[in-house]
Amino acid sequence: MEKRKKIIAAISAAIYMYLEQEALGLQTMYQVPQQPAQVLPSLPITSPWSLAGRMSLMEGRFNWQYRLCKSS
């Protein structure tokens, strides 16, 4: 009888620990981060010359793609 009580206590403790770990995992999964991530620009524009160069490249690519689609 004493052995059976020990087995039941061990099983109950294991189930309780498992449920507690599951609850802790769900809490950490849905927890809101304390500090929002800082979003840095991918290409910092430092001068008007660099901006003009990028715009020129984009315009050239756009015109090239437009001509390819137009002939089809």
N, C-alpha and C. Protein backbone atom coordinates (compact mmCIF):
# COMPACT_ATOMS: atom_id res chain seq x y z
N MET A 1 0.82 -1.19 0.00
CA MET A 1 0.00 0.00 0.00
C MET A 1 0.87 1.25 0.00
N GLU A 2 1.92 1.24 0.81
CA GLU A 2 2.82 2.39 0.89
C GLU A 2 3.53 2.61 -0.45
N LYS A 3 3.89 1.54 -1.13
CA LYS A 3 4.57 1.66 -2.42
C LYS A 3 3.62 2.27 -3.45
N ARG A 4 2.37 1.90 -3.41
CA ARG A 4 1.39 2.44 -4.34
C ARG A 4 1.20 3.95 -4.14
N LYS A 5 1.20 4.40 -2.89
CA LYS A 5 1.05 5.83 -2.59
C LYS A 5 2.25 6.61 -3.13
N LYS A 6 3.46 6.03 -3.02
CA LYS A 6 4.65 6.69 -3.54
C LYS A 6 4.59 6.79 -5.06
N ILE A 7 4.10 5.75 -5.71
CA ILE A 7 3.99 5.77 -7.17
C ILE A 7 2.99 6.83 -7.61
N ILE A 8 1.85 6.90 -6.93
CA ILE A 8 0.83 7.89 -7.26
C ILE A 8 1.37 9.29 -7.02
N ALA A 9 2.11 9.50 -5.95
CA ALA A 9 2.69 10.81 -5.67
C ALA A 9 3.71 11.19 -6.73
N ALA A 10 4.52 10.25 -7.18
CA ALA A 10 5.52 10.53 -8.21
C ALA A 10 4.85 10.88 -9.54
N ILE A 11 3.81 10.14 -9.90
CA ILE A 11 3.09 10.41 -11.14
C ILE A 11 2.41 11.77 -11.07
N SER A 12 1.80 12.08 -9.94
CA SER A 12 1.14 13.38 -9.77
C SER A 12 2.14 14.53 -9.86
N ALA A 13 3.29 14.36 -9.23
CA ALA A 13 4.31 15.40 -9.28
C ALA A 13 4.83 15.59 -10.71
N ALA A 14 5.00 14.50 -11.44
CA ALA A 14 5.48 14.60 -12.83
C ALA A 14 4.45 15.32 -13.70
N ILE A 15 3.18 15.00 -13.52
CA ILE A 15 2.13 15.66 -14.30
C ILE A 15 2.07 17.13 -13.95
N TYR A 16 2.17 17.47 -12.68
CA TYR A 16 2.13 18.86 -12.24
C TYR A 16 3.31 19.64 -12.82
N MET A 17 4.51 19.05 -12.79
CA MET A 17 5.69 19.72 -13.34
C MET A 17 5.54 19.91 -14.86
N TYR A 18 4.99 18.92 -15.55
CA TYR A 18 4.80 19.04 -16.99
C TYR A 18 3.83 20.17 -17.32
N LEU A 19 2.72 20.24 -16.62
CA LEU A 19 1.74 21.29 -16.87
C LEU A 19 2.30 22.67 -16.55
N GLU A 20 3.11 22.75 -15.51
CA GLU A 20 3.73 24.03 -15.16
C GLU A 20 4.72 24.47 -16.24
N GLN A 21 5.49 23.55 -16.78
CA GLN A 21 6.42 23.88 -17.86
C GLN A 21 5.68 24.31 -19.12
N GLU A 22 4.56 23.67 -19.41
CA GLU A 22 3.75 24.06 -20.57
C GLU A 22 3.22 25.48 -20.39
N ALA A 23 2.73 25.81 -19.20
CA ALA A 23 2.21 27.15 -18.95
C ALA A 23 3.32 28.19 -19.06
N LEU A 24 4.49 27.87 -18.55
CA LEU A 24 5.63 28.78 -18.63
C LEU A 24 6.05 28.99 -20.09
N GLY A 25 6.03 27.93 -20.87
CA GLY A 25 6.37 28.04 -22.29
C GLY A 25 5.38 28.92 -23.04
N LEU A 26 4.10 28.79 -22.74
CA LEU A 26 3.10 29.62 -23.39
C LEU A 26 3.24 31.08 -22.98
N GLN A 27 3.58 31.33 -21.73
CA GLN A 27 3.78 32.71 -21.28
C GLN A 27 4.94 33.36 -22.01
N THR A 28 6.03 32.66 -22.16
CA THR A 28 7.19 33.24 -22.83
C THR A 28 6.95 33.38 -24.33
N MET A 29 6.12 32.50 -24.89
CA MET A 29 5.84 32.58 -26.32
C MET A 29 4.99 33.81 -26.65
N TYR A 30 4.05 34.13 -25.80
CA TYR A 30 3.15 35.25 -26.06
C TYR A 30 3.55 36.52 -25.34
N GLN A 31 4.73 36.56 -24.77
CA GLN A 31 5.17 37.73 -24.03
C GLN A 31 5.59 38.83 -25.00
N VAL A 32 5.20 40.05 -24.70
CA VAL A 32 5.54 41.21 -25.54
C VAL A 32 6.96 41.63 -25.19
N PRO A 33 7.80 41.87 -26.20
CA PRO A 33 9.17 42.30 -25.90
C PRO A 33 9.18 43.65 -25.18
N GLN A 34 10.13 43.81 -24.29
CA GLN A 34 10.22 45.03 -23.49
C GLN A 34 10.60 46.24 -24.33
N GLN A 35 11.58 46.09 -25.20
CA GLN A 35 12.03 47.20 -26.03
C GLN A 35 11.76 46.85 -27.50
N PRO A 36 11.14 47.76 -28.23
CA PRO A 36 10.94 47.46 -29.65
C PRO A 36 12.27 47.48 -30.39
N ALA A 37 12.35 46.66 -31.41
CA ALA A 37 13.58 46.59 -32.20
C ALA A 37 13.76 47.88 -32.97
N GLN A 38 14.97 48.37 -33.00
CA GLN A 38 15.25 49.59 -33.73
C GLN A 38 15.37 49.27 -35.22
N VAL A 39 14.64 50.02 -36.00
CA VAL A 39 14.66 49.83 -37.44
C VAL A 39 15.63 50.84 -38.05
N LEU A 40 16.66 50.33 -38.65
CA LEU A 40 17.65 51.18 -39.28
C LEU A 40 17.41 51.20 -40.78
N PRO A 41 17.57 52.33 -41.43
CA PRO A 41 17.39 52.36 -42.87
C PRO A 41 18.43 51.49 -43.56
N SER A 42 18.02 50.82 -44.63
CA SER A 42 18.95 49.92 -45.31
C SER A 42 20.01 50.70 -46.09
N LEU A 43 19.63 51.81 -46.68
CA LEU A 43 20.59 52.65 -47.40
C LEU A 43 20.47 54.08 -46.91
N PRO A 44 21.31 54.49 -46.01
CA PRO A 44 21.22 55.88 -45.55
C PRO A 44 21.65 56.83 -46.66
N ILE A 45 20.82 57.83 -46.93
CA ILE A 45 21.12 58.79 -47.97
C ILE A 45 21.93 59.91 -47.33
N THR A 46 23.16 60.03 -47.76
CA THR A 46 24.04 61.02 -47.13
C THR A 46 24.21 62.28 -47.96
N SER A 47 23.99 62.18 -49.26
CA SER A 47 24.19 63.38 -50.08
C SER A 47 23.21 63.37 -51.25
N PRO A 48 22.92 64.54 -51.80
CA PRO A 48 22.02 64.58 -52.96
C PRO A 48 22.62 63.89 -54.19
N TRP A 49 23.94 63.83 -54.26
CA TRP A 49 24.57 63.17 -55.41
C TRP A 49 24.31 61.67 -55.39
N SER A 50 24.38 61.06 -54.21
CA SER A 50 24.11 59.62 -54.13
C SER A 50 22.65 59.34 -54.43
N LEU A 51 21.75 60.21 -53.98
CA LEU A 51 20.34 60.04 -54.28
C LEU A 51 20.09 60.16 -55.77
N ALA A 52 20.71 61.13 -56.42
CA ALA A 52 20.54 61.31 -57.86
C ALA A 52 21.07 60.10 -58.62
N GLY A 53 22.18 59.53 -58.17
CA GLY A 53 22.75 58.35 -58.82
C GLY A 53 21.83 57.16 -58.71
N ARG A 54 21.26 56.94 -57.52
CA ARG A 54 20.35 55.81 -57.33
C ARG A 54 19.09 55.99 -58.17
N MET A 55 18.58 57.22 -58.20
CA MET A 55 17.37 57.48 -58.99
C MET A 55 17.65 57.25 -60.48
N SER A 56 18.81 57.63 -60.94
CA SER A 56 19.17 57.42 -62.33
C SER A 56 19.25 55.93 -62.66
N LEU A 57 19.85 55.15 -61.78
CA LEU A 57 19.94 53.71 -62.00
C LEU A 57 18.55 53.08 -62.02
N MET A 58 17.69 53.48 -61.09
CA MET A 58 16.35 52.93 -61.05
C MET A 58 15.56 53.30 -62.30
N GLU A 59 15.72 54.53 -62.76
CA GLU A 59 15.02 54.97 -63.97
C GLU A 59 15.50 54.18 -65.19
N GLY A 60 16.80 53.95 -65.29
CA GLY A 60 17.34 53.15 -66.40
C GLY A 60 16.81 51.73 -66.39
N ARG A 61 16.76 51.12 -65.21
CA ARG A 61 16.23 49.76 -65.12
C ARG A 61 14.74 49.72 -65.47
N PHE A 62 14.00 50.73 -65.00
CA PHE A 62 12.58 50.78 -65.31
C PHE A 62 12.37 50.89 -66.81
N ASN A 63 13.11 51.80 -67.46
CA ASN A 63 12.96 51.96 -68.91
C ASN A 63 13.33 50.69 -69.66
N TRP A 64 14.37 50.00 -69.22
CA TRP A 64 14.80 48.76 -69.85
C TRP A 64 13.71 47.70 -69.72
N GLN A 65 13.13 47.55 -68.52
CA GLN A 65 12.06 46.58 -68.32
C GLN A 65 10.81 46.95 -69.11
N TYR A 66 10.51 48.24 -69.18
CA TYR A 66 9.33 48.69 -69.91
C TYR A 66 9.46 48.37 -71.39
N ARG A 67 10.65 48.56 -71.94
CA ARG A 67 10.87 48.24 -73.35
C ARG A 67 10.74 46.75 -73.61
N LEU A 68 11.20 45.92 -72.68
CA LEU A 68 11.07 44.47 -72.87
C LEU A 68 9.62 44.06 -72.86
N CYS A 69 8.81 44.62 -71.97
CA CYS A 69 7.41 44.25 -71.87
C CYS A 69 6.60 44.84 -73.02
N LYS A 70 7.01 45.98 -73.52
CA LYS A 70 6.27 46.67 -74.56
C LYS A 70 6.35 45.90 -75.89
N SER A 71 7.49 45.29 -76.18
CA SER A 71 7.66 44.60 -77.46
C SER A 71 6.93 43.27 -77.51
N SER A 72 6.56 42.73 -76.36
CA SER A 72 5.91 41.42 -76.33
C SER A 72 4.47 41.49 -76.76
